Amino acid sequence: DRYQTYITLFVMLLVFSGVLSWPISRASTGIYNFFVT
């Protein structure tokens, strides 16, 4: 609660840098393929 603003900025930095892209993409593809099945 005390440092939420800084944590939020850090999360946005992870998004902007693309660090989260690979794991989210992999997980999304897995769920998408499950729906296809």
PDB file of all heavy atoms in Angstrom:
ATOM      1  N   ASP A   1       0.824  -1.209   0.000  1.00  0.00           N
ATOM      2  CA  ASP A   1       0.000   0.000   0.000  1.00  0.00           C
ATOM      3  C   ASP A   1       0.859   1.260   0.000  1.00  0.00           C
ATOM      4  O   ASP A   1       0.548   2.247  -0.679  1.00  0.00           O
ATOM      5  CB  ASP A   1      -0.930   0.009   1.223  1.00  0.00           C
ATOM      6  CG  ASP A   1      -2.049  -1.005   1.103  1.00  0.00           C
ATOM      7  OD1 ASP A   1      -2.350  -1.420  -0.030  1.00  0.00           O
ATOM      8  OD2 ASP A   1      -2.625  -1.386   2.144  1.00  0.00           O
ATOM      9  N   ARG A   2       1.955   1.212   0.744  1.00  0.00           N
ATOM     10  CA  ARG A   2       2.820   2.387   0.866  1.00  0.00           C
ATOM     11  C   ARG A   2       3.541   2.701  -0.436  1.00  0.00           C
ATOM     12  O   ARG A   2       3.726   3.879  -0.793  1.00  0.00           O
ATOM     13  CB  ARG A   2       3.830   2.159   1.991  1.00  0.00           C
ATOM     14  CG  ARG A   2       4.730   3.366   2.257  1.00  0.00           C
ATOM     15  CD  ARG A   2       5.640   3.092   3.439  1.00  0.00           C
ATOM     16  NE  ARG A   2       6.500   4.244   3.709  1.00  0.00           N
ATOM     17  CZ  ARG A   2       7.420   4.271   4.678  1.00  0.00           C
ATOM     18  NH1 ARG A   2       7.579   3.206   5.474  1.00  0.00           N
ATOM     19  NH2 ARG A   2       8.166   5.349   4.861  1.00  0.00           N
ATOM     20  N   TYR A   3       3.951   1.645  -1.153  1.00  0.00           N
ATOM     21  CA  TYR A   3       4.760   1.843  -2.357  1.00  0.00           C
ATOM     22  C   TYR A   3       4.022   1.445  -3.644  1.00  0.00           C
ATOM     23  O   TYR A   3       4.660   1.186  -4.667  1.00  0.00           O
ATOM     24  CB  TYR A   3       6.054   1.036  -2.245  1.00  0.00           C
ATOM     25  CG  TYR A   3       6.950   1.492  -1.118  1.00  0.00           C
ATOM     26  CD1 TYR A   3       7.012   0.770   0.072  1.00  0.00           C
ATOM     27  CD2 TYR A   3       7.717   2.649  -1.244  1.00  0.00           C
ATOM     28  CE1 TYR A   3       7.823   1.193   1.112  1.00  0.00           C
ATOM     29  CE2 TYR A   3       8.534   3.078  -0.205  1.00  0.00           C
ATOM     30  CZ  TYR A   3       8.578   2.347   0.977  1.00  0.00           C
ATOM     31  OH  TYR A   3       9.374   2.775   2.012  1.00  0.00           O
ATOM     32  N   GLN A   4       2.701   1.452  -3.600  1.00  0.00           N
ATOM     33  CA  GLN A   4       1.941   0.966  -4.750  1.00  0.00           C
ATOM     34  C   GLN A   4       2.194   1.789  -6.003  1.00  0.00           C
ATOM     35  O   GLN A   4       2.260   1.246  -7.110  1.00  0.00           O
ATOM     36  CB  GLN A   4       0.437   0.954  -4.443  1.00  0.00           C
ATOM     37  CG  GLN A   4      -0.405   0.441  -5.609  1.00  0.00           C
ATOM     38  CD  GLN A   4      -1.806   0.091  -5.197  1.00  0.00           C
ATOM     39  OE1 GLN A   4      -2.052  -0.342  -4.087  1.00  0.00           O
ATOM     40  NE2 GLN A   4      -2.747   0.287  -6.099  1.00  0.00           N
ATOM     41  N   THR A   5       2.362   3.097  -5.860  1.00  0.00           N
ATOM     42  CA  THR A   5       2.620   3.940  -7.036  1.00  0.00           C
ATOM     43  C   THR A   5       3.895   3.505  -7.746  1.00  0.00           C
ATOM     44  O   THR A   5       3.925   3.380  -8.982  1.00  0.00           O
ATOM     45  CB  THR A   5       2.745   5.415  -6.628  1.00  0.00           C
ATOM     46  OG1 THR A   5       1.517   5.839  -6.022  1.00  0.00           O
ATOM     47  CG2 THR A   5       3.017   6.287  -7.852  1.00  0.00           C
ATOM     48  N   TYR A   6       4.940   3.235  -6.978  1.00  0.00           N
ATOM     49  CA  TYR A   6       6.206   2.817  -7.576  1.00  0.00           C
ATOM     50  C   TYR A   6       6.094   1.414  -8.178  1.00  0.00           C
ATOM     51  O   TYR A   6       6.672   1.135  -9.229  1.00  0.00           O
ATOM     52  CB  TYR A   6       7.313   2.844  -6.529  1.00  0.00           C
ATOM     53  CG  TYR A   6       7.534   4.212  -5.929  1.00  0.00           C
ATOM     54  CD1 TYR A   6       7.037   4.525  -4.658  1.00  0.00           C
ATOM     55  CD2 TYR A   6       8.220   5.205  -6.637  1.00  0.00           C
ATOM     56  CE1 TYR A   6       7.231   5.787  -4.110  1.00  0.00           C
ATOM     57  CE2 TYR A   6       8.417   6.464  -6.096  1.00  0.00           C
ATOM     58  CZ  TYR A   6       7.916   6.746  -4.832  1.00  0.00           C
ATOM     59  OH  TYR A   6       8.097   7.999  -4.303  1.00  0.00           O
ATOM     60  N   ILE A   7       5.342   0.555  -7.503  1.00  0.00           N
ATOM     61  CA  ILE A   7       5.152  -0.803  -8.015  1.00  0.00           C
ATOM     62  C   ILE A   7       4.383  -0.760  -9.331  1.00  0.00           C
ATOM     63  O   ILE A   7       4.705  -1.479 -10.284  1.00  0.00           O
ATOM     64  CB  ILE A   7       4.417  -1.675  -6.978  1.00  0.00           C
ATOM     65  CG1 ILE A   7       5.274  -1.833  -5.719  1.00  0.00           C
ATOM     66  CG2 ILE A   7       4.091  -3.042  -7.561  1.00  0.00           C
ATOM     67  CD1 ILE A   7       4.581  -2.535  -4.573  1.00  0.00           C
ATOM     68  N   THR A   8       3.366   0.103  -9.387  1.00  0.00           N
ATOM     69  CA  THR A   8       2.586   0.247 -10.614  1.00  0.00           C
ATOM     70  C   THR A   8       3.462   0.738 -11.766  1.00  0.00           C
ATOM     71  O   THR A   8       3.382   0.230 -12.891  1.00  0.00           O
ATOM     72  CB  THR A   8       1.419   1.236 -10.404  1.00  0.00           C
ATOM     73  OG1 THR A   8       0.582   0.750  -9.348  1.00  0.00           O
ATOM     74  CG2 THR A   8       0.602   1.385 -11.681  1.00  0.00           C
ATOM     75  N   LEU A   9       4.327   1.711 -11.486  1.00  0.00           N
ATOM     76  CA  LEU A   9       5.243   2.207 -12.515  1.00  0.00           C
ATOM     77  C   LEU A   9       6.191   1.099 -12.974  1.00  0.00           C
ATOM     78  O   LEU A   9       6.522   1.008 -14.164  1.00  0.00           O
ATOM     79  CB  LEU A   9       6.037   3.398 -11.980  1.00  0.00           C
ATOM     80  CG  LEU A   9       5.235   4.686 -11.744  1.00  0.00           C
ATOM     81  CD1 LEU A   9       6.117   5.732 -11.075  1.00  0.00           C
ATOM     82  CD2 LEU A   9       4.691   5.222 -13.064  1.00  0.00           C
ATOM     83  N   PHE A  10       6.613   0.262 -12.039  1.00  0.00           N
ATOM     84  CA  PHE A  10       7.496  -0.851 -12.386  1.00  0.00           C
ATOM     85  C   PHE A  10       6.786  -1.844 -13.298  1.00  0.00           C
ATOM     86  O   PHE A  10       7.375  -2.348 -14.275  1.00  0.00           O
ATOM     87  CB  PHE A  10       7.976  -1.553 -11.114  1.00  0.00           C
ATOM     88  CG  PHE A  10       8.841  -2.753 -11.361  1.00  0.00           C
ATOM     89  CD1 PHE A  10      10.120  -2.610 -11.876  1.00  0.00           C
ATOM     90  CD2 PHE A  10       8.368  -4.026 -11.093  1.00  0.00           C
ATOM     91  CE1 PHE A  10      10.922  -3.714 -12.112  1.00  0.00           C
ATOM     92  CE2 PHE A  10       9.157  -5.139 -11.323  1.00  0.00           C
ATOM     93  CZ  PHE A  10      10.436  -4.982 -11.838  1.00  0.00           C
ATOM     94  N   VAL A  11       5.513  -2.125 -13.002  1.00  0.00           N
ATOM     95  CA  VAL A  11       4.731  -3.037 -13.849  1.00  0.00           C
ATOM     96  C   VAL A  11       4.606  -2.467 -15.263  1.00  0.00           C
ATOM     97  O   VAL A  11       4.772  -3.190 -16.261  1.00  0.00           O
ATOM     98  CB  VAL A  11       3.332  -3.279 -13.240  1.00  0.00           C
ATOM     99  CG1 VAL A  11       2.455  -4.072 -14.208  1.00  0.00           C
ATOM    100  CG2 VAL A  11       3.441  -4.021 -11.917  1.00  0.00           C
ATOM    101  N   MET A  12       4.323  -1.177 -15.357  1.00  0.00           N
ATOM    102  CA  MET A  12       4.208  -0.549 -16.674  1.00  0.00           C
ATOM    103  C   MET A  12       5.532  -0.607 -17.421  1.00  0.00           C
ATOM    104  O   MET A  12       5.566  -0.800 -18.643  1.00  0.00           O
ATOM    105  CB  MET A  12       3.724   0.887 -16.518  1.00  0.00           C
ATOM    106  CG  MET A  12       2.308   0.995 -15.962  1.00  0.00           C
ATOM    107  SD  MET A  12       1.748   2.695 -15.717  1.00  0.00           S
ATOM    108  CE  MET A  12       1.655   3.251 -17.423  1.00  0.00           C
ATOM    109  N   LEU A  13       6.643  -0.455 -16.701  1.00  0.00           N
ATOM    110  CA  LEU A  13       7.964  -0.560 -17.318  1.00  0.00           C
ATOM    111  C   LEU A  13       8.178  -1.964 -17.883  1.00  0.00           C
ATOM    112  O   LEU A  13       8.737  -2.126 -18.981  1.00  0.00           O
ATOM    113  CB  LEU A  13       9.054  -0.231 -16.297  1.00  0.00           C
ATOM    114  CG  LEU A  13      10.504  -0.330 -16.787  1.00  0.00           C
ATOM    115  CD1 LEU A  13      10.748   0.659 -17.926  1.00  0.00           C
ATOM    116  CD2 LEU A  13      11.474  -0.067 -15.642  1.00  0.00           C
ATOM    117  N   LEU A  14       7.724  -2.980 -17.143  1.00  0.00           N
ATOM    118  CA  LEU A  14       7.839  -4.359 -17.633  1.00  0.00           C
ATOM    119  C   LEU A  14       7.053  -4.544 -18.922  1.00  0.00           C
ATOM    120  O   LEU A  14       7.497  -5.244 -19.840  1.00  0.00           O
ATOM    121  CB  LEU A  14       7.332  -5.340 -16.563  1.00  0.00           C
ATOM    122  CG  LEU A  14       8.173  -5.492 -15.298  1.00  0.00           C
ATOM    123  CD1 LEU A  14       7.504  -6.471 -14.339  1.00  0.00           C
ATOM    124  CD2 LEU A  14       9.585  -5.977 -15.637  1.00  0.00           C
ATOM    125  N   VAL A  15       5.878  -3.914 -18.979  1.00  0.00           N
ATOM    126  CA  VAL A  15       5.059  -4.007 -20.190  1.00  0.00           C
ATOM    127  C   VAL A  15       5.746  -3.292 -21.346  1.00  0.00           C
ATOM    128  O   VAL A  15       5.889  -3.826 -22.454  1.00  0.00           O
ATOM    129  CB  VAL A  15       3.659  -3.410 -19.950  1.00  0.00           C
ATOM    130  CG1 VAL A  15       2.868  -3.358 -21.255  1.00  0.00           C
ATOM    131  CG2 VAL A  15       2.898  -4.239 -18.917  1.00  0.00           C
ATOM    132  N   PHE A  16       6.206  -2.056 -21.100  1.00  0.00           N
ATOM    133  CA  PHE A  16       6.828  -1.262 -22.157  1.00  0.00           C
ATOM    134  C   PHE A  16       8.104  -1.921 -22.684  1.00  0.00           C
ATOM    135  O   PHE A  16       8.424  -1.823 -23.863  1.00  0.00           O
ATOM    136  CB  PHE A  16       7.160   0.146 -21.651  1.00  0.00           C
ATOM    137  CG  PHE A  16       5.952   0.978 -21.328  1.00  0.00           C
ATOM    138  CD1 PHE A  16       6.037   2.011 -20.405  1.00  0.00           C
ATOM    139  CD2 PHE A  16       4.729   0.719 -21.919  1.00  0.00           C
ATOM    140  CE1 PHE A  16       4.931   2.787 -20.109  1.00  0.00           C
ATOM    141  CE2 PHE A  16       3.614   1.476 -21.623  1.00  0.00           C
ATOM    142  CZ  PHE A  16       3.714   2.516 -20.719  1.00  0.00           C
ATOM    143  N   SER A  17       8.843  -2.584 -21.799  1.00  0.00           N
ATOM    144  CA  SER A  17      10.111  -3.197 -22.204  1.00  0.00           C
ATOM    145  C   SER A  17       9.915  -4.526 -22.929  1.00  0.00           C
ATOM    146  O   SER A  17      10.858  -5.048 -23.525  1.00  0.00           O
ATOM    147  CB  SER A  17      10.993  -3.416 -20.966  1.00  0.00           C
ATOM    148  OG  SER A  17      10.410  -4.384 -20.101  1.00  0.00           O
ATOM    149  N   GLY A  18       8.713  -5.079 -22.851  1.00  0.00           N
ATOM    150  CA  GLY A  18       8.441  -6.345 -23.510  1.00  0.00           C
ATOM    151  C   GLY A  18       8.789  -7.562 -22.680  1.00  0.00           C
ATOM    152  O   GLY A  18       8.662  -8.699 -23.154  1.00  0.00           O
ATOM    153  N   VAL A  19       9.206  -7.363 -21.428  1.00  0.00           N
ATOM    154  CA  VAL A  19       9.597  -8.485 -20.571  1.00  0.00           C
ATOM    155  C   VAL A  19       8.427  -9.449 -20.362  1.00  0.00           C
ATOM    156  O   VAL A  19       8.608 -10.676 -20.311  1.00  0.00           O
ATOM    157  CB  VAL A  19      10.115  -7.974 -19.208  1.00  0.00           C
ATOM    158  CG1 VAL A  19      10.312  -9.124 -18.231  1.00  0.00           C
ATOM    159  CG2 VAL A  19      11.412  -7.204 -19.400  1.00  0.00           C
ATOM    160  N   LEU A  20       7.213  -8.900 -20.249  1.00  0.00           N
ATOM    161  CA  LEU A  20       6.037  -9.733 -20.001  1.00  0.00           C
ATOM    162  C   LEU A  20       5.448 -10.335 -21.273  1.00  0.00           C
ATOM    163  O   LEU A  20       4.569 -11.201 -21.196  1.00  0.00           O
ATOM    164  CB  LEU A  20       4.954  -8.913 -19.287  1.00  0.00           C
ATOM    165  CG  LEU A  20       5.279  -8.456 -17.864  1.00  0.00           C
ATOM    166  CD1 LEU A  20       4.140  -7.589 -17.331  1.00  0.00           C
ATOM    167  CD2 LEU A  20       5.495  -9.648 -16.946  1.00  0.00           C
ATOM    168  N   SER A  21       5.915  -9.888 -22.420  1.00  0.00           N
ATOM    169  CA  SER A  21       5.290 -10.308 -23.684  1.00  0.00           C
ATOM    170  C   SER A  21       5.393 -11.815 -23.904  1.00  0.00           C
ATOM    171  O   SER A  21       4.408 -12.467 -24.273  1.00  0.00           O
ATOM    172  CB  SER A  21       5.932  -9.572 -24.863  1.00  0.00           C
ATOM    173  OG  SER A  21       5.721  -8.188 -24.762  1.00  0.00           O
ATOM    174  N   TRP A  22       6.589 -12.369 -23.704  1.00  0.00           N
ATOM    175  CA  TRP A  22       6.783 -13.792 -23.995  1.00  0.00           C
ATOM    176  C   TRP A  22       5.941 -14.686 -23.100  1.00  0.00           C
ATOM    177  O   TRP A  22       5.207 -15.545 -23.618  1.00  0.00           O
ATOM    178  CB  TRP A  22       8.259 -14.165 -23.894  1.00  0.00           C
ATOM    179  CG  TRP A  22       8.519 -15.582 -24.311  1.00  0.00           C
ATOM    180  CD1 TRP A  22       8.699 -16.054 -25.574  1.00  0.00           C
ATOM    181  CD2 TRP A  22       8.603 -16.720 -23.435  1.00  0.00           C
ATOM    182  NE1 TRP A  22       8.893 -17.422 -25.565  1.00  0.00           N
ATOM    183  CE2 TRP A  22       8.840 -17.859 -24.271  1.00  0.00           C
ATOM    184  CE3 TRP A  22       8.494 -16.895 -22.061  1.00  0.00           C
ATOM    185  CZ2 TRP A  22       8.973 -19.140 -23.742  1.00  0.00           C
ATOM    186  CZ3 TRP A  22       8.632 -18.182 -21.541  1.00  0.00           C
ATOM    187  CH2 TRP A  22       8.868 -19.284 -22.378  1.00  0.00           C
ATOM    188  N   PRO A  23       5.989 -14.557 -21.760  1.00  0.00           N
ATOM    189  CA  PRO A  23       5.177 -15.459 -20.938  1.00  0.00           C
ATOM    190  C   PRO A  23       3.676 -15.277 -21.160  1.00  0.00           C
ATOM    191  O   PRO A  23       2.925 -16.263 -21.157  1.00  0.00           O
ATOM    192  CB  PRO A  23       5.569 -15.090 -19.495  1.00  0.00           C
ATOM    193  CG  PRO A  23       6.209 -13.753 -19.588  1.00  0.00           C
ATOM    194  CD  PRO A  23       6.843 -13.685 -20.922  1.00  0.00           C
ATOM    195  N   ILE A  24       3.216 -14.034 -21.351  1.00  0.00           N
ATOM    196  CA  ILE A  24       1.786 -13.817 -21.589  1.00  0.00           C
ATOM    197  C   ILE A  24       1.386 -14.418 -22.934  1.00  0.00           C
ATOM    198  O   ILE A  24       0.323 -15.052 -23.059  1.00  0.00           O
ATOM    199  CB  ILE A  24       1.455 -12.313 -21.547  1.00  0.00           C
ATOM    200  CG1 ILE A  24       1.583 -11.787 -20.115  1.00  0.00           C
ATOM    201  CG2 ILE A  24       0.043 -12.051 -22.065  1.00  0.00           C
ATOM    202  CD1 ILE A  24       1.337 -10.297 -19.970  1.00  0.00           C
ATOM    203  N   SER A  25       2.243 -14.259 -23.944  1.00  0.00           N
ATOM    204  CA  SER A  25       1.950 -14.819 -25.265  1.00  0.00           C
ATOM    205  C   SER A  25       1.881 -16.340 -25.225  1.00  0.00           C
ATOM    206  O   SER A  25       0.975 -16.953 -25.820  1.00  0.00           O
ATOM    207  CB  SER A  25       3.013 -14.370 -26.273  1.00  0.00           C
ATOM    208  OG  SER A  25       2.801 -14.949 -27.526  1.00  0.00           O
ATOM    209  N   ARG A  26       2.806 -16.956 -24.504  1.00  0.00           N
ATOM    210  CA  ARG A  26       2.813 -18.417 -24.402  1.00  0.00           C
ATOM    211  C   ARG A  26       1.563 -18.924 -23.698  1.00  0.00           C
ATOM    212  O   ARG A  26       0.924 -19.887 -24.145  1.00  0.00           O
ATOM    213  CB  ARG A  26       4.059 -18.874 -23.639  1.00  0.00           C
ATOM    214  CG  ARG A  26       5.362 -18.646 -24.364  1.00  0.00           C
ATOM    215  CD  ARG A  26       5.649 -19.730 -25.376  1.00  0.00           C
ATOM    216  NE  ARG A  26       5.884 -21.016 -24.724  1.00  0.00           N
ATOM    217  CZ  ARG A  26       6.183 -22.142 -25.363  1.00  0.00           C
ATOM    218  NH1 ARG A  26       6.256 -22.116 -26.683  1.00  0.00           N
ATOM    219  NH2 ARG A  26       6.392 -23.263 -24.719  1.00  0.00           N
ATOM    220  N   ALA A  27       1.221 -18.287 -22.598  1.00  0.00           N
ATOM    221  CA  ALA A  27       0.036 -18.701 -21.855  1.00  0.00           C
ATOM    222  C   ALA A  27      -1.238 -18.463 -22.667  1.00  0.00           C
ATOM    223  O   ALA A  27      -2.155 -19.297 -22.672  1.00  0.00           O
ATOM    224  CB  ALA A  27      -0.044 -17.957 -20.525  1.00  0.00           C
ATOM    225  N   SER A  28      -1.290 -17.331 -23.379  1.00  0.00           N
ATOM    226  CA  SER A  28      -2.462 -17.020 -24.204  1.00  0.00           C
ATOM    227  C   SER A  28      -2.640 -18.049 -25.308  1.00  0.00           C
ATOM    228  O   SER A  28      -3.766 -18.495 -25.575  1.00  0.00           O
ATOM    229  CB  SER A  28      -2.317 -15.627 -24.821  1.00  0.00           C
ATOM    230  OG  SER A  28      -2.248 -14.634 -23.826  1.00  0.00           O
ATOM    231  N   THR A  29      -1.537 -18.424 -25.937  1.00  0.00           N
ATOM    232  CA  THR A  29      -1.608 -19.422 -27.003  1.00  0.00           C
ATOM    233  C   THR A  29      -2.102 -20.757 -26.468  1.00  0.00           C
ATOM    234  O   THR A  29      -2.900 -21.448 -27.116  1.00  0.00           O
ATOM    235  CB  THR A  29      -0.228 -19.606 -27.667  1.00  0.00           C
ATOM    236  OG1 THR A  29       0.210 -18.350 -28.204  1.00  0.00           O
ATOM    237  CG2 THR A  29      -0.282 -20.630 -28.775  1.00  0.00           C
ATOM    238  N   GLY A  30      -1.665 -21.137 -25.267  1.00  0.00           N
ATOM    239  CA  GLY A  30      -2.109 -22.386 -24.660  1.00  0.00           C
ATOM    240  C   GLY A  30      -3.615 -22.401 -24.406  1.00  0.00           C
ATOM    241  O   GLY A  30      -4.302 -23.382 -24.715  1.00  0.00           O
ATOM    242  N   ILE A  31      -4.132 -21.317 -23.852  1.00  0.00           N
ATOM    243  CA  ILE A  31      -5.574 -21.239 -23.588  1.00  0.00           C
ATOM    244  C   ILE A  31      -6.348 -21.178 -24.904  1.00  0.00           C
ATOM    245  O   ILE A  31      -7.398 -21.816 -25.052  1.00  0.00           O
ATOM    246  CB  ILE A  31      -5.887 -20.014 -22.718  1.00  0.00           C
ATOM    247  CG1 ILE A  31      -5.258 -20.188 -21.335  1.00  0.00           C
ATOM    248  CG2 ILE A  31      -7.403 -19.805 -22.589  1.00  0.00           C
ATOM    249  CD1 ILE A  31      -5.408 -18.981 -20.435  1.00  0.00           C
ATOM    250  N   TYR A  32      -5.830 -20.412 -25.862  1.00  0.00           N
ATOM    251  CA  TYR A  32      -6.481 -20.332 -27.174  1.00  0.00           C
ATOM    252  C   TYR A  32      -6.573 -21.710 -27.819  1.00  0.00           C
ATOM    253  O   TYR A  32      -7.638 -22.103 -28.328  1.00  0.00           O
ATOM    254  CB  TYR A  32      -5.693 -19.377 -28.066  1.00  0.00           C
ATOM    255  CG  TYR A  32      -6.240 -19.258 -29.466  1.00  0.00           C
ATOM    256  CD1 TYR A  32      -7.246 -18.341 -29.758  1.00  0.00           C
ATOM    257  CD2 TYR A  32      -5.741 -20.047 -30.498  1.00  0.00           C
ATOM    258  CE1 TYR A  32      -7.751 -18.220 -31.045  1.00  0.00           C
ATOM    259  CE2 TYR A  32      -6.238 -19.942 -31.786  1.00  0.00           C
ATOM    260  CZ  TYR A  32      -7.239 -19.023 -32.055  1.00  0.00           C
ATOM    261  OH  TYR A  32      -7.738 -18.918 -33.326  1.00  0.00           O
ATOM    262  N   ASN A  33      -5.496 -22.472 -27.781  1.00  0.00           N
ATOM    263  CA  ASN A  33      -5.502 -23.814 -28.360  1.00  0.00           C
ATOM    264  C   ASN A  33      -6.461 -24.734 -27.609  1.00  0.00           C
ATOM    265  O   ASN A  33      -7.074 -25.633 -28.211  1.00  0.00           O
ATOM    266  CB  ASN A  33      -4.094 -24.402 -28.354  1.00  0.00           C
ATOM    267  CG  ASN A  33      -3.176 -23.718 -29.355  1.00  0.00           C
ATOM    268  OD1 ASN A  33      -3.638 -23.128 -30.329  1.00  0.00           O
ATOM    269  ND2 ASN A  33      -1.877 -23.787 -29.112  1.00  0.00           N
ATOM    270  N   PHE A  34      -6.599 -24.532 -26.311  1.00  0.00           N
ATOM    271  CA  PHE A  34      -7.557 -25.314 -25.526  1.00  0.00           C
ATOM    272  C   PHE A  34      -8.978 -25.033 -25.999  1.00  0.00           C
ATOM    273  O   PHE A  34      -9.786 -25.956 -26.169  1.00  0.00           O
ATOM    274  CB  PHE A  34      -7.407 -24.972 -24.040  1.00  0.00           C
ATOM    275  CG  PHE A  34      -8.417 -25.638 -23.153  1.00  0.00           C
ATOM    276  CD1 PHE A  34      -8.416 -27.016 -22.969  1.00  0.00           C
ATOM    277  CD2 PHE A  34      -9.375 -24.878 -22.490  1.00  0.00           C
ATOM    278  CE1 PHE A  34      -9.354 -27.635 -22.141  1.00  0.00           C
ATOM    279  CE2 PHE A  34     -10.309 -25.482 -21.667  1.00  0.00           C
ATOM    280  CZ  PHE A  34     -10.299 -26.865 -21.494  1.00  0.00           C
ATOM    281  N   PHE A  35      -9.300 -23.758 -26.231  1.00  0.00           N
ATOM    282  CA  PHE A  35     -10.627 -23.399 -26.747  1.00  0.00           C
ATOM    283  C   PHE A  35     -10.843 -24.005 -28.137  1.00  0.00           C
ATOM    284  O   PHE A  35     -11.941 -24.477 -28.450  1.00  0.00           O
ATOM    285  CB  PHE A  35     -10.781 -21.879 -26.822  1.00  0.00           C
ATOM    286  CG  PHE A  35     -10.947 -21.207 -25.490  1.00  0.00           C
ATOM    287  CD1 PHE A  35     -10.796 -19.838 -25.365  1.00  0.00           C
ATOM    288  CD2 PHE A  35     -11.238 -21.938 -24.351  1.00  0.00           C
ATOM    289  CE1 PHE A  35     -10.962 -19.200 -24.131  1.00  0.00           C
ATOM    290  CE2 PHE A  35     -11.392 -21.329 -23.113  1.00  0.00           C
ATOM    291  CZ  PHE A  35     -11.256 -19.952 -23.006  1.00  0.00           C
ATOM    292  N   VAL A  36      -9.811 -23.970 -28.961  1.00  0.00           N
ATOM    293  CA  VAL A  36      -9.904 -24.562 -30.305  1.00  0.00           C
ATOM    294  C   VAL A  36     -10.224 -26.052 -30.211  1.00  0.00           C
ATOM    295  O   VAL A  36     -11.058 -26.572 -30.959  1.00  0.00           O
ATOM    296  CB  VAL A  36      -8.601 -24.330 -31.083  1.00  0.00           C
ATOM    297  CG1 VAL A  36      -8.557 -25.178 -32.360  1.00  0.00           C
ATOM    298  CG2 VAL A  36      -8.458 -22.860 -31.460  1.00  0.00           C
ATOM    299  N   THR A  37      -9.576 -26.733 -29.278  1.00  0.00           N
ATOM    300  CA  THR A  37      -9.810 -28.164 -29.100  1.00  0.00           C
ATOM    301  C   THR A  37     -11.246 -28.441 -28.641  1.00  0.00           C
ATOM    302  O   THR A  37     -11.916 -29.342 -29.159  1.00  0.00           O
ATOM    303  CB  THR A  37      -8.825 -28.738 -28.059  1.00  0.00           C
ATOM    304  OG1 THR A  37      -7.482 -28.513 -28.502  1.00  0.00           O
ATOM    305  CG2 THR A  37      -9.050 -30.229 -27.875  1.00  0.00           C
TER     306      THR A  37
END
